[in-house]
Amino acid sequence: GGRGGDVIFQGDENLNTLMDFKYKQHYKAARGEHGKGKNMHGANA
């Protein structure tokens, strides 16, 4: 199977408030893709 996605914070000098996180409080990354036959690996999310 593929690896699940990370939740990453990135600094942005154009922002000066945490207002966005007041309105969206849940952050869930996508699941990795399942493996397949013929030794085909699932894609990383």
PDB file of all heavy atoms in Angstrom:
ATOM      1  N   GLY A   1       0.827  -1.203   0.000  1.00  0.00           N
ATOM      2  CA  GLY A   1       0.000   0.000   0.000  1.00  0.00           C
ATOM      3  C   GLY A   1       0.863   1.254   0.000  1.00  0.00           C
ATOM      4  O   GLY A   1       2.035   1.236   0.386  1.00  0.00           O
ATOM      5  N   GLY A   2       0.288   2.368  -0.428  1.00  0.00           N
ATOM      6  CA  GLY A   2       1.008   3.632  -0.444  1.00  0.00           C
ATOM      7  C   GLY A   2       0.973   4.317   0.915  1.00  0.00           C
ATOM      8  O   GLY A   2       0.118   4.025   1.760  1.00  0.00           O
ATOM      9  N   ARG A   3       1.879   5.236   1.114  1.00  0.00           N
ATOM     10  CA  ARG A   3       1.957   5.968   2.385  1.00  0.00           C
ATOM     11  C   ARG A   3       0.863   7.030   2.462  1.00  0.00           C
ATOM     12  O   ARG A   3       0.521   7.671   1.469  1.00  0.00           O
ATOM     13  CB  ARG A   3       3.331   6.638   2.515  1.00  0.00           C
ATOM     14  CG  ARG A   3       3.538   7.360   3.840  1.00  0.00           C
ATOM     15  CD  ARG A   3       4.929   7.956   3.963  1.00  0.00           C
ATOM     16  NE  ARG A   3       5.072   8.648   5.228  1.00  0.00           N
ATOM     17  CZ  ARG A   3       5.390   8.075   6.379  1.00  0.00           C
ATOM     18  NH1 ARG A   3       5.602   6.777   6.409  1.00  0.00           N
ATOM     19  NH2 ARG A   3       5.483   8.778   7.498  1.00  0.00           N
ATOM     20  N   GLY A   4       0.317   7.221   3.659  1.00  0.00           N
ATOM     21  CA  GLY A   4      -0.684   8.268   3.865  1.00  0.00           C
ATOM     22  C   GLY A   4      -0.060   9.652   3.822  1.00  0.00           C
ATOM     23  O   GLY A   4       1.139   9.830   4.041  1.00  0.00           O
ATOM     24  N   GLY A   5      -0.862  10.642   3.550  1.00  0.00           N
ATOM     25  CA  GLY A   5      -0.368  12.006   3.455  1.00  0.00           C
ATOM     26  C   GLY A   5      -0.061  12.612   4.820  1.00  0.00           C
ATOM     27  O   GLY A   5      -0.657  12.239   5.837  1.00  0.00           O
ATOM     28  N   ASP A   6       0.879  13.554   4.850  1.00  0.00           N
ATOM     29  CA  ASP A   6       1.225  14.277   6.074  1.00  0.00           C
ATOM     30  C   ASP A   6       0.397  15.554   6.173  1.00  0.00           C
ATOM     31  O   ASP A   6      -0.038  16.116   5.165  1.00  0.00           O
ATOM     32  CB  ASP A   6       2.707  14.667   6.071  1.00  0.00           C
ATOM     33  CG  ASP A   6       3.635  13.465   6.034  1.00  0.00           C
ATOM     34  OD1 ASP A   6       3.234  12.392   6.539  1.00  0.00           O
ATOM     35  OD2 ASP A   6       4.760  13.597   5.510  1.00  0.00           O
ATOM     36  N   VAL A   7       0.205  16.030   7.396  1.00  0.00           N
ATOM     37  CA  VAL A   7      -0.335  17.373   7.628  1.00  0.00           C
ATOM     38  C   VAL A   7       0.852  18.274   7.949  1.00  0.00           C
ATOM     39  O   VAL A   7       1.584  18.033   8.919  1.00  0.00           O
ATOM     40  CB  VAL A   7      -1.359  17.396   8.771  1.00  0.00           C
ATOM     41  CG1 VAL A   7      -1.879  18.820   8.999  1.00  0.00           C
ATOM     42  CG2 VAL A   7      -2.522  16.470   8.466  1.00  0.00           C
ATOM     43  N   ILE A   8       1.065  19.288   7.123  1.00  0.00           N
ATOM     44  CA  ILE A   8       2.277  20.105   7.193  1.00  0.00           C
ATOM     45  C   ILE A   8       1.902  21.568   7.420  1.00  0.00           C
ATOM     46  O   ILE A   8       0.973  22.085   6.794  1.00  0.00           O
ATOM     47  CB  ILE A   8       3.087  19.980   5.883  1.00  0.00           C
ATOM     48  CG1 ILE A   8       3.455  18.517   5.629  1.00  0.00           C
ATOM     49  CG2 ILE A   8       4.327  20.852   5.913  1.00  0.00           C
ATOM     50  CD1 ILE A   8       3.999  18.250   4.243  1.00  0.00           C
ATOM     51  N   PHE A   9       2.638  22.235   8.305  1.00  0.00           N
ATOM     52  CA  PHE A   9       2.502  23.679   8.473  1.00  0.00           C
ATOM     53  C   PHE A   9       3.631  24.370   7.723  1.00  0.00           C
ATOM     54  O   PHE A   9       4.782  23.921   7.766  1.00  0.00           O
ATOM     55  CB  PHE A   9       2.556  24.069   9.945  1.00  0.00           C
ATOM     56  CG  PHE A   9       1.339  23.664  10.726  1.00  0.00           C
ATOM     57  CD1 PHE A   9       1.459  22.971  11.918  1.00  0.00           C
ATOM     58  CD2 PHE A   9       0.068  23.965  10.266  1.00  0.00           C
ATOM     59  CE1 PHE A   9       0.345  22.588  12.637  1.00  0.00           C
ATOM     60  CE2 PHE A   9      -1.058  23.593  10.978  1.00  0.00           C
ATOM     61  CZ  PHE A   9      -0.918  22.899  12.160  1.00  0.00           C
ATOM     62  N   GLN A  10       3.303  25.462   7.055  1.00  0.00           N
ATOM     63  CA  GLN A  10       4.307  26.225   6.304  1.00  0.00           C
ATOM     64  C   GLN A  10       4.180  27.707   6.644  1.00  0.00           C
ATOM     65  O   GLN A  10       3.088  28.275   6.603  1.00  0.00           O
ATOM     66  CB  GLN A  10       4.123  26.021   4.805  1.00  0.00           C
ATOM     67  CG  GLN A  10       5.109  26.835   3.948  1.00  0.00           C
ATOM     68  CD  GLN A  10       4.971  26.523   2.477  1.00  0.00           C
ATOM     69  OE1 GLN A  10       4.883  25.375   2.080  1.00  0.00           O
ATOM     70  NE2 GLN A  10       4.927  27.553   1.650  1.00  0.00           N
ATOM     71  N   GLY A  11       5.300  28.330   6.975  1.00  0.00           N
ATOM     72  CA  GLY A  11       5.301  29.749   7.307  1.00  0.00           C
ATOM     73  C   GLY A  11       5.043  30.611   6.078  1.00  0.00           C
ATOM     74  O   GLY A  11       5.593  30.367   5.009  1.00  0.00           O
ATOM     75  N   ASP A  12       4.196  31.622   6.227  1.00  0.00           N
ATOM     76  CA  ASP A  12       3.862  32.545   5.136  1.00  0.00           C
ATOM     77  C   ASP A  12       3.928  33.974   5.677  1.00  0.00           C
ATOM     78  O   ASP A  12       3.134  34.358   6.536  1.00  0.00           O
ATOM     79  CB  ASP A  12       2.459  32.238   4.607  1.00  0.00           C
ATOM     80  CG  ASP A  12       2.120  33.031   3.347  1.00  0.00           C
ATOM     81  OD1 ASP A  12       2.760  34.076   3.105  1.00  0.00           O
ATOM     82  OD2 ASP A  12       1.204  32.623   2.614  1.00  0.00           O
ATOM     83  N   GLU A  13       4.880  34.744   5.171  1.00  0.00           N
ATOM     84  CA  GLU A  13       5.079  36.105   5.674  1.00  0.00           C
ATOM     85  C   GLU A  13       3.937  37.043   5.300  1.00  0.00           C
ATOM     86  O   GLU A  13       3.841  38.164   5.826  1.00  0.00           O
ATOM     87  CB  GLU A  13       6.396  36.669   5.143  1.00  0.00           C
ATOM     88  CG  GLU A  13       6.459  36.762   3.636  1.00  0.00           C
ATOM     89  CD  GLU A  13       7.813  37.205   3.110  1.00  0.00           C
ATOM     90  OE1 GLU A  13       8.741  37.354   3.920  1.00  0.00           O
ATOM     91  OE2 GLU A  13       7.946  37.379   1.889  1.00  0.00           O
ATOM     92  N   ASN A  14       3.059  36.625   4.407  1.00  0.00           N
ATOM     93  CA  ASN A  14       1.927  37.469   4.025  1.00  0.00           C
ATOM     94  C   ASN A  14       0.737  37.334   4.977  1.00  0.00           C
ATOM     95  O   ASN A  14      -0.249  38.066   4.846  1.00  0.00           O
ATOM     96  CB  ASN A  14       1.466  37.122   2.601  1.00  0.00           C
ATOM     97  CG  ASN A  14       2.528  37.415   1.559  1.00  0.00           C
ATOM     98  OD1 ASN A  14       3.158  38.466   1.591  1.00  0.00           O
ATOM     99  ND2 ASN A  14       2.769  36.480   0.660  1.00  0.00           N
ATOM    100  N   LEU A  15       0.817  36.398   5.913  1.00  0.00           N
ATOM    101  CA  LEU A  15      -0.255  36.210   6.887  1.00  0.00           C
ATOM    102  C   LEU A  15       0.144  36.844   8.210  1.00  0.00           C
ATOM    103  O   LEU A  15       1.319  36.828   8.592  1.00  0.00           O
ATOM    104  CB  LEU A  15      -0.536  34.724   7.095  1.00  0.00           C
ATOM    105  CG  LEU A  15      -0.997  33.915   5.874  1.00  0.00           C
ATOM    106  CD1 LEU A  15      -1.158  32.453   6.244  1.00  0.00           C
ATOM    107  CD2 LEU A  15      -2.295  34.471   5.317  1.00  0.00           C
ATOM    108  N   ASN A  16      -0.818  37.366   8.937  1.00  0.00           N
ATOM    109  CA  ASN A  16      -0.533  37.942  10.249  1.00  0.00           C
ATOM    110  C   ASN A  16      -1.606  37.613  11.281  1.00  0.00           C
ATOM    111  O   ASN A  16      -1.710  38.280  12.309  1.00  0.00           O
ATOM    112  CB  ASN A  16      -0.357  39.469  10.151  1.00  0.00           C
ATOM    113  CG  ASN A  16      -1.555  40.145   9.509  1.00  0.00           C
ATOM    114  OD1 ASN A  16      -2.632  39.559   9.443  1.00  0.00           O
ATOM    115  ND2 ASN A  16      -1.360  41.359   9.051  1.00  0.00           N
ATOM    116  N   THR A  17      -2.399  36.582  11.023  1.00  0.00           N
ATOM    117  CA  THR A  17      -3.442  36.180  11.951  1.00  0.00           C
ATOM    118  C   THR A  17      -3.737  34.692  11.774  1.00  0.00           C
ATOM    119  O   THR A  17      -3.494  34.125  10.703  1.00  0.00           O
ATOM    120  CB  THR A  17      -4.733  36.993  11.727  1.00  0.00           C
ATOM    121  OG1 THR A  17      -5.750  36.515  12.610  1.00  0.00           O
ATOM    122  CG2 THR A  17      -5.219  36.871  10.295  1.00  0.00           C
ATOM    123  N   LEU A  18      -4.249  34.090  12.836  1.00  0.00           N
ATOM    124  CA  LEU A  18      -4.644  32.678  12.796  1.00  0.00           C
ATOM    125  C   LEU A  18      -6.146  32.536  12.557  1.00  0.00           C
ATOM    126  O   LEU A  18      -6.745  31.516  12.917  1.00  0.00           O
ATOM    127  CB  LEU A  18      -4.266  31.987  14.121  1.00  0.00           C
ATOM    128  CG  LEU A  18      -2.769  31.904  14.438  1.00  0.00           C
ATOM    129  CD1 LEU A  18      -2.550  31.361  15.842  1.00  0.00           C
ATOM    130  CD2 LEU A  18      -2.033  31.043  13.420  1.00  0.00           C
ATOM    131  N   MET A  19      -6.742  33.523  11.933  1.00  0.00           N
ATOM    132  CA  MET A  19      -8.190  33.553  11.755  1.00  0.00           C
ATOM    133  C   MET A  19      -8.705  32.322  11.001  1.00  0.00           C
ATOM    134  O   MET A  19      -9.765  31.777  11.326  1.00  0.00           O
ATOM    135  CB  MET A  19      -8.609  34.816  11.012  1.00  0.00           C
ATOM    136  CG  MET A  19     -10.109  34.948  10.809  1.00  0.00           C
ATOM    137  SD  MET A  19     -10.568  36.522  10.076  1.00  0.00           S
ATOM    138  CE  MET A  19      -9.789  36.362   8.464  1.00  0.00           C
ATOM    139  N   ASP A  20      -7.970  31.854   9.994  1.00  0.00           N
ATOM    140  CA  ASP A  20      -8.428  30.708   9.197  1.00  0.00           C
ATOM    141  C   ASP A  20      -8.662  29.474  10.061  1.00  0.00           C
ATOM    142  O   ASP A  20      -9.546  28.661   9.782  1.00  0.00           O
ATOM    143  CB  ASP A  20      -7.415  30.375   8.102  1.00  0.00           C
ATOM    144  CG  ASP A  20      -7.366  31.446   7.021  1.00  0.00           C
ATOM    145  OD1 ASP A  20      -8.280  32.290   6.995  1.00  0.00           O
ATOM    146  OD2 ASP A  20      -6.413  31.455   6.230  1.00  0.00           O
ATOM    147  N   PHE A  21      -7.875  29.335  11.125  1.00  0.00           N
ATOM    148  CA  PHE A  21      -7.986  28.148  11.973  1.00  0.00           C
ATOM    149  C   PHE A  21      -9.136  28.257  12.968  1.00  0.00           C
ATOM    150  O   PHE A  21      -9.436  27.305  13.672  1.00  0.00           O
ATOM    151  CB  PHE A  21      -6.663  27.913  12.707  1.00  0.00           C
ATOM    152  CG  PHE A  21      -5.513  27.658  11.778  1.00  0.00           C
ATOM    153  CD1 PHE A  21      -4.660  28.685  11.395  1.00  0.00           C
ATOM    154  CD2 PHE A  21      -5.305  26.400  11.247  1.00  0.00           C
ATOM    155  CE1 PHE A  21      -3.619  28.459  10.525  1.00  0.00           C
ATOM    156  CE2 PHE A  21      -4.253  26.157  10.381  1.00  0.00           C
ATOM    157  CZ  PHE A  21      -3.415  27.195  10.010  1.00  0.00           C
ATOM    158  N   LYS A  22      -9.756  29.416  13.041  1.00  0.00           N
ATOM    159  CA  LYS A  22     -10.956  29.561  13.871  1.00  0.00           C
ATOM    160  C   LYS A  22     -12.176  28.975  13.166  1.00  0.00           C
ATOM    161  O   LYS A  22     -13.125  28.519  13.799  1.00  0.00           O
ATOM    162  CB  LYS A  22     -11.204  31.036  14.185  1.00  0.00           C
ATOM    163  CG  LYS A  22     -10.305  31.606  15.260  1.00  0.00           C
ATOM    164  CD  LYS A  22     -10.659  31.031  16.627  1.00  0.00           C
ATOM    165  CE  LYS A  22      -9.793  31.622  17.717  1.00  0.00           C
ATOM    166  NZ  LYS A  22     -10.117  31.069  19.051  1.00  0.00           N
ATOM    167  N   TYR A  23     -12.156  28.996  11.835  1.00  0.00           N
ATOM    168  CA  TYR A  23     -13.305  28.544  11.060  1.00  0.00           C
ATOM    169  C   TYR A  23     -13.132  27.131  10.521  1.00  0.00           C
ATOM    170  O   TYR A  23     -14.102  26.474  10.163  1.00  0.00           O
ATOM    171  CB  TYR A  23     -13.570  29.515   9.913  1.00  0.00           C
ATOM    172  CG  TYR A  23     -13.875  30.900  10.416  1.00  0.00           C
ATOM    173  CD1 TYR A  23     -12.933  31.914  10.335  1.00  0.00           C
ATOM    174  CD2 TYR A  23     -15.095  31.200  10.996  1.00  0.00           C
ATOM    175  CE1 TYR A  23     -13.197  33.189  10.813  1.00  0.00           C
ATOM    176  CE2 TYR A  23     -15.380  32.462  11.474  1.00  0.00           C
ATOM    177  CZ  TYR A  23     -14.427  33.456  11.382  1.00  0.00           C
ATOM    178  OH  TYR A  23     -14.698  34.704  11.865  1.00  0.00           O
ATOM    179  N   LYS A  24     -11.893  26.675  10.432  1.00  0.00           N
ATOM    180  CA  LYS A  24     -11.632  25.291  10.038  1.00  0.00           C
ATOM    181  C   LYS A  24     -10.687  24.689  11.064  1.00  0.00           C
ATOM    182  O   LYS A  24      -9.516  25.070  11.127  1.00  0.00           O
ATOM    183  CB  LYS A  24     -11.018  25.209   8.636  1.00  0.00           C
ATOM    184  CG  LYS A  24     -10.798  23.770   8.186  1.00  0.00           C
ATOM    185  CD  LYS A  24     -10.169  23.689   6.790  1.00  0.00           C
ATOM    186  CE  LYS A  24      -9.933  22.239   6.404  1.00  0.00           C
ATOM    187  NZ  LYS A  24      -9.285  22.104   5.078  1.00  0.00           N
ATOM    188  N   GLN A  25     -11.210  23.756  11.859  1.00  0.00           N
ATOM    189  CA  GLN A  25     -10.439  23.239  12.985  1.00  0.00           C
ATOM    190  C   GLN A  25     -10.009  21.785  12.814  1.00  0.00           C
ATOM    191  O   GLN A  25      -9.287  21.269  13.651  1.00  0.00           O
ATOM    192  CB  GLN A  25     -11.258  23.380  14.275  1.00  0.00           C
ATOM    193  CG  GLN A  25     -11.576  24.834  14.621  1.00  0.00           C
ATOM    194  CD  GLN A  25     -12.415  24.955  15.874  1.00  0.00           C
ATOM    195  OE1 GLN A  25     -13.216  24.078  16.173  1.00  0.00           O
ATOM    196  NE2 GLN A  25     -12.247  26.038  16.603  1.00  0.00           N
ATOM    197  N   HIS A  26     -10.439  21.131  11.755  1.00  0.00           N
ATOM    198  CA  HIS A  26     -10.073  19.734  11.529  1.00  0.00           C
ATOM    199  C   HIS A  26      -9.327  19.605  10.203  1.00  0.00           C
ATOM    200  O   HIS A  26      -9.826  20.055   9.171  1.00  0.00           O
ATOM    201  CB  HIS A  26     -11.316  18.833  11.515  1.00  0.00           C
ATOM    202  CG  HIS A  26     -11.943  18.674  12.868  1.00  0.00           C
ATOM    203  ND1 HIS A  26     -12.699  19.668  13.444  1.00  0.00           N
ATOM    204  CD2 HIS A  26     -11.925  17.642  13.761  1.00  0.00           C
ATOM    205  CE1 HIS A  26     -13.126  19.257  14.630  1.00  0.00           C
ATOM    206  NE2 HIS A  26     -12.672  18.038  14.849  1.00  0.00           N
ATOM    207  N   TYR A  27      -8.151  18.980  10.260  1.00  0.00           N
ATOM    208  CA  TYR A  27      -7.324  18.794   9.071  1.00  0.00           C
ATOM    209  C   TYR A  27      -6.947  17.317   8.983  1.00  0.00           C
ATOM    210  O   TYR A  27      -6.219  16.796   9.836  1.00  0.00           O
ATOM    211  CB  TYR A  27      -6.065  19.660   9.150  1.00  0.00           C
ATOM    212  CG  TYR A  27      -6.369  21.139   9.070  1.00  0.00           C
ATOM    213  CD1 TYR A  27      -6.795  21.832  10.199  1.00  0.00           C
ATOM    214  CD2 TYR A  27      -6.251  21.838   7.876  1.00  0.00           C
ATOM    215  CE1 TYR A  27      -7.103  23.179  10.134  1.00  0.00           C
ATOM    216  CE2 TYR A  27      -6.553  23.193   7.793  1.00  0.00           C
ATOM    217  CZ  TYR A  27      -6.978  23.853   8.932  1.00  0.00           C
ATOM    218  OH  TYR A  27      -7.287  25.187   8.864  1.00  0.00           O
ATOM    219  N   LYS A  28      -7.467  16.644   7.958  1.00  0.00           N
ATOM    220  CA  LYS A  28      -7.208  15.215   7.772  1.00  0.00           C
ATOM    221  C   LYS A  28      -6.622  14.984   6.391  1.00  0.00           C
ATOM    222  O   LYS A  28      -7.204  15.388   5.382  1.00  0.00           O
ATOM    223  CB  LYS A  28      -8.500  14.407   7.926  1.00  0.00           C
ATOM    224  CG  LYS A  28      -9.103  14.449   9.329  1.00  0.00           C
ATOM    225  CD  LYS A  28     -10.329  13.560   9.423  1.00  0.00           C
ATOM    226  CE  LYS A  28     -10.928  13.564  10.820  1.00  0.00           C
ATOM    227  NZ  LYS A  28     -12.115  12.687  10.924  1.00  0.00           N
ATOM    228  N   ALA A  29      -5.462  14.342   6.356  1.00  0.00           N
ATOM    229  CA  ALA A  29      -4.819  14.043   5.079  1.00  0.00           C
ATOM    230  C   ALA A  29      -5.421  12.780   4.475  1.00  0.00           C
ATOM    231  O   ALA A  29      -6.056  11.958   5.163  1.00  0.00           O
ATOM    232  CB  ALA A  29      -3.317  13.880   5.270  1.00  0.00           C
ATOM    233  N   ALA A  30      -5.209  12.594   3.185  1.00  0.00           N
ATOM    234  CA  ALA A  30      -5.798  11.459   2.463  1.00  0.00           C
ATOM    235  C   ALA A  30      -5.056  10.161   2.778  1.00  0.00           C
ATOM    236  O   ALA A  30      -3.884  10.152   3.162  1.00  0.00           O
ATOM    237  CB  ALA A  30      -5.761  11.728   0.969  1.00  0.00           C
ATOM    238  N   ARG A  31      -5.757   9.069   2.564  1.00  0.00           N
ATOM    239  CA  ARG A  31      -5.183   7.746   2.775  1.00  0.00           C
ATOM    240  C   ARG A  31      -4.374   7.327   1.562  1.00  0.00           C
ATOM    241  O   ARG A  31      -4.672   7.706   0.425  1.00  0.00           O
ATOM    242  CB  ARG A  31      -6.310   6.741   3.012  1.00  0.00           C
ATOM    243  CG  ARG A  31      -5.824   5.326   3.215  1.00  0.00           C
ATOM    244  CD  ARG A  31      -6.922   4.369   3.592  1.00  0.00           C
ATOM    245  NE  ARG A  31      -6.348   3.136   4.116  1.00  0.00           N
ATOM    246  CZ  ARG A  31      -6.939   2.355   4.983  1.00  0.00           C
ATOM    247  NH1 ARG A  31      -8.135   2.672   5.435  1.00  0.00           N
ATOM    248  NH2 ARG A  31      -6.356   1.247   5.407  1.00  0.00           N
ATOM    249  N   GLY A  32      -3.332   6.524   1.800  1.00  0.00           N
ATOM    250  CA  GLY A  32      -2.550   5.981   0.702  1.00  0.00           C
ATOM    251  C   GLY A  32      -3.371   4.978  -0.094  1.00  0.00           C
ATOM    252  O   GLY A  32      -4.297   4.352   0.424  1.00  0.00           O
ATOM    253  N   GLU A  33      -3.007   4.810  -1.352  1.00  0.00           N
ATOM    254  CA  GLU A  33      -3.739   3.878  -2.211  1.00  0.00           C
ATOM    255  C   GLU A  33      -3.386   2.438  -1.841  1.00  0.00           C
ATOM    256  O   GLU A  33      -2.247   2.134  -1.461  1.00  0.00           O
ATOM    257  CB  GLU A  33      -3.376   4.150  -3.673  1.00  0.00           C
ATOM    258  CG  GLU A  33      -4.252   3.446  -4.676  1.00  0.00           C
ATOM    259  CD  GLU A  33      -3.874   3.819  -6.103  1.00  0.00           C
ATOM    260  OE1 GLU A  33      -2.670   3.948  -6.390  1.00  0.00           O
ATOM    261  OE2 GLU A  33      -4.789   3.972  -6.935  1.00  0.00           O
ATOM    262  N   HIS A  34      -4.354   1.536  -1.949  1.00  0.00           N
ATOM    263  CA  HIS A  34      -4.104   0.129  -1.646  1.00  0.00           C
ATOM    264  C   HIS A  34      -3.224  -0.498  -2.726  1.00  0.00           C
ATOM    265  O   HIS A  34      -3.198  -0.047  -3.882  1.00  0.00           O
ATOM    266  CB  HIS A  34      -5.426  -0.644  -1.569  1.00  0.00           C
ATOM    267  CG  HIS A  34      -6.343  -0.161  -0.481  1.00  0.00           C
ATOM    268  ND1 HIS A  34      -5.894   0.196   0.767  1.00  0.00           N
ATOM    269  CD2 HIS A  34      -7.695   0.019  -0.472  1.00  0.00           C
ATOM    270  CE1 HIS A  34      -6.919   0.567   1.513  1.00  0.00           C
ATOM    271  NE2 HIS A  34      -8.021   0.476   0.782  1.00  0.00           N
ATOM    272  N   GLY A  35      -2.509  -1.558  -2.317  1.00  0.00           N
ATOM    273  CA  GLY A  35      -1.681  -2.260  -3.285  1.00  0.00           C
ATOM    274  C   GLY A  35      -2.531  -3.012  -4.304  1.00  0.00           C
ATOM    275  O   GLY A  35      -3.745  -3.166  -4.138  1.00  0.00           O
ATOM    276  N   LYS A  36      -1.877  -3.464  -5.358  1.00  0.00           N
ATOM    277  CA  LYS A  36      -2.576  -4.188  -6.422  1.00  0.00           C
ATOM    278  C   LYS A  36      -1.810  -5.475  -6.745  1.00  0.00           C
ATOM    279  O   LYS A  36      -0.685  -5.685  -6.248  1.00  0.00           O
ATOM    280  CB  LYS A  36      -2.677  -3.321  -7.685  1.00  0.00           C
ATOM    281  CG  LYS A  36      -3.399  -2.008  -7.486  1.00  0.00           C
ATOM    282  CD  LYS A  36      -3.440  -1.236  -8.791  1.00  0.00           C
ATOM    283  CE  LYS A  36      -4.179   0.088  -8.644  1.00  0.00           C
ATOM    284  NZ  LYS A  36      -3.482   1.018  -7.738  1.00  0.00           N
ATOM    285  N   GLY A  37      -2.432  -6.309  -7.559  1.00  0.00           N
ATOM    286  CA  GLY A  37      -1.768  -7.529  -8.004  1.00  0.00           C
ATOM    287  C   GLY A  37      -0.594  -7.205  -8.920  1.00  0.00           C
ATOM    288  O   GLY A  37      -0.336  -6.046  -9.271  1.00  0.00           O
ATOM    289  N   LYS A  38       0.120  -8.241  -9.299  1.00  0.00           N
ATOM    290  CA  LYS A  38       1.297  -8.118 -10.169  1.00  0.00           C
ATOM    291  C   LYS A  38       2.366  -7.221  -9.530  1.00  0.00           C
ATOM    292  O   LYS A  38       3.087  -6.496 -10.222  1.00  0.00           O
ATOM    293  CB  LYS A  38       0.911  -7.578 -11.546  1.00  0.00           C
ATOM    294  CG  LYS A  38      -0.057  -8.488 -12.299  1.00  0.00           C
ATOM    295  CD  LYS A  38      -0.365  -7.968 -13.689  1.00  0.00           C
ATOM    296  CE  LYS A  38      -1.321  -8.901 -14.417  1.00  0.00           C
ATOM    297  NZ  LYS A  38      -1.666  -8.407 -15.779  1.00  0.00           N
ATOM    298  N   ASN A  39       2.413  -7.262  -8.181  1.00  0.00           N
ATOM    299  CA  ASN A  39       3.422  -6.495  -7.427  1.00  0.00           C
ATOM    300  C   ASN A  39       3.363  -4.987  -7.699  1.00  0.00           C
ATOM    301  O   ASN A  39       4.382  -4.305  -7.660  1.00  0.00           O
ATOM    302  CB  ASN A  39       4.831  -7.020  -7.736  1.00  0.00           C
ATOM    303  CG  ASN A  39       5.086  -8.364  -7.092  1.00  0.00           C
ATOM    304  OD1 ASN A  39       4.667  -8.617  -5.971  1.00  0.00           O
ATOM    305  ND2 ASN A  39       5.747  -9.259  -7.833  1.00  0.00           N
ATOM    306  N   MET A  40       2.179  -4.502  -7.967  1.00  0.00           N
ATOM    307  CA  MET A  40       2.026  -3.059  -8.176  1.00  0.00           C
ATOM    308  C   MET A  40       1.682  -2.389  -6.847  1.00  0.00           C
ATOM    309  O   MET A  40       0.696  -2.752  -6.190  1.00  0.00           O
ATOM    310  CB  MET A  40       0.931  -2.773  -9.210  1.00  0.00           C
ATOM    311  CG  MET A  40       1.308  -3.194 -10.619  1.00  0.00           C
ATOM    312  SD  MET A  40       0.157  -2.586 -11.875  1.00  0.00           S
ATOM    313  CE  MET A  40      -1.316  -3.521 -11.466  1.00  0.00           C
ATOM    314  N   HIS A  41       2.506  -1.432  -6.474  1.00  0.00           N
ATOM    315  CA  HIS A  41       2.333  -0.736  -5.206  1.00  0.00           C
ATOM    316  C   HIS A  41       1.321   0.404  -5.358  1.00  0.00           C
ATOM    317  O   HIS A  41       1.216   1.034  -6.420  1.00  0.00           O
ATOM    318  CB  HIS A  41       3.657  -0.165  -4.711  1.00  0.00           C
ATOM    319  CG  HIS A  41       4.718  -1.209  -4.497  1.00  0.00           C
ATOM    320  ND1 HIS A  41       4.415  -2.489  -4.089  1.00  0.00           N
ATOM    321  CD2 HIS A  41       6.072  -1.154  -4.626  1.00  0.00           C
ATOM    322  CE1 HIS A  41       5.535  -3.192  -3.971  1.00  0.00           C
ATOM    323  NE2 HIS A  41       6.553  -2.402  -4.304  1.00  0.00           N
ATOM    324  N   GLY A  42       0.604   0.674  -4.270  1.00  0.00           N
ATOM    325  CA  GLY A  42      -0.321   1.794  -4.269  1.00  0.00           C
ATOM    326  C   GLY A  42       0.419   3.122  -4.224  1.00  0.00           C
ATOM    327  O   GLY A  42       1.541   3.219  -3.698  1.00  0.00           O
ATOM    328  N   ALA A  43      -0.201   4.157  -4.753  1.00  0.00           N
ATOM    329  CA  ALA A  43       0.431   5.478  -4.776  1.00  0.00           C
ATOM    330  C   ALA A  43       0.396   6.115  -3.389  1.00  0.00           C
ATOM    331  O   ALA A  43      -0.532   5.900  -2.605  1.00  0.00           O
ATOM    332  CB  ALA A  43      -0.282   6.380  -5.782  1.00  0.00           C
ATOM    333  N   ASN A  44       1.431   6.893  -3.088  1.00  0.00           N
ATOM    334  CA  ASN A  44       1.443   7.676  -1.847  1.00  0.00           C
ATOM    335  C   ASN A  44       0.432   8.812  -1.947  1.00  0.00           C
ATOM    336  O   ASN A  44       0.247   9.404  -3.014  1.00  0.00           O
ATOM    337  CB  ASN A  44       2.831   8.249  -1.586  1.00  0.00           C
ATOM    338  CG  ASN A  44       3.863   7.168  -1.350  1.00  0.00           C
ATOM    339  OD1 ASN A  44       3.527   6.064  -0.900  1.00  0.00           O
ATOM    340  ND2 ASN A  44       5.113   7.466  -1.634  1.00  0.00           N
ATOM    341  N   ALA A  45      -0.218   9.131  -0.842  1.00  0.00           N
ATOM    342  CA  ALA A  45      -1.199  10.215  -0.833  1.00  0.00           C
ATOM    343  C   ALA A  45      -0.493  11.557  -0.694  1.00  0.00           C
ATOM    344  O   ALA A  45       0.539  11.652  -0.023  1.00  0.00           O
ATOM    345  CB  ALA A  45      -2.192  10.022   0.308  1.00  0.00           C
TER     346      ALA A  45
END
